[in-house]
Amino acid sequence: MFPSFEKIQSFYAKGLWDKEKVKAAVKYQCITADEYEKITGEAYLE
């Protein structure tokens, strides 16, 4: 199970998660494509 949007955002900001891991969270419907963009600053491309 993936953590919440807030946790994922924090992990990414701290360098604990890379874009691929954040993308996996979208794939498993833990966050939305819009939230991916908010976290990474890039559009989500499948």
Protein backbone atom coordinates (compact mmCIF):
# COMPACT_ATOMS: atom_id res chain seq x y z
CA MET A 1 0.00 0.00 0.00
CA PHE A 2 1.28 3.44 -0.92
CA PRO A 3 1.33 6.42 1.44
CA SER A 4 -0.84 9.52 1.06
CA PHE A 5 -0.23 12.44 -1.31
CA GLU A 6 1.31 14.48 1.51
CA LYS A 7 3.75 11.70 2.44
CA ILE A 8 4.73 11.07 -1.17
CA GLN A 9 5.28 14.80 -1.70
CA SER A 10 7.51 14.89 1.39
CA PHE A 11 9.48 11.79 0.33
CA TYR A 12 10.09 13.27 -3.13
CA ALA A 13 11.14 16.66 -1.72
CA LYS A 14 13.64 14.93 0.60
CA GLY A 15 15.06 12.87 -2.26
CA LEU A 16 13.79 9.60 -0.79
CA TRP A 17 11.58 8.90 -3.83
CA ASP A 18 12.42 9.46 -7.49
CA LYS A 19 9.98 10.23 -10.32
CA GLU A 20 9.59 6.55 -11.19
CA LYS A 21 8.37 5.74 -7.71
CA VAL A 22 5.95 8.68 -7.78
CA LYS A 23 4.75 7.47 -11.20
CA ALA A 24 4.10 4.03 -9.69
CA ALA A 25 1.87 5.69 -7.09
CA VAL A 26 -0.26 7.06 -9.96
CA LYS A 27 -0.35 3.64 -11.61
CA TYR A 28 -1.67 2.10 -8.39
CA GLN A 29 -4.20 4.95 -8.02
CA CYS A 30 -2.76 6.28 -4.77
CA ILE A 31 -2.38 9.74 -6.27
CA THR A 32 -3.77 11.35 -9.42
CA ALA A 33 -1.91 12.50 -12.51
CA ASP A 34 -2.56 16.09 -11.38
CA GLU A 35 -0.97 15.32 -8.00
CA TYR A 36 2.03 13.79 -9.80
CA GLU A 37 2.45 17.10 -11.62
CA LYS A 38 2.19 19.04 -8.34
CA ILE A 39 4.88 16.85 -6.79
CA THR A 40 7.36 16.64 -9.67
CA GLY A 41 6.61 19.80 -11.64
CA GLU A 42 6.20 17.71 -14.79
CA ALA A 43 3.14 16.38 -16.59
CA TYR A 44 2.35 12.72 -16.05
CA LEU A 45 2.94 10.70 -19.21
CA GLU A 46 2.00 7.03 -19.24
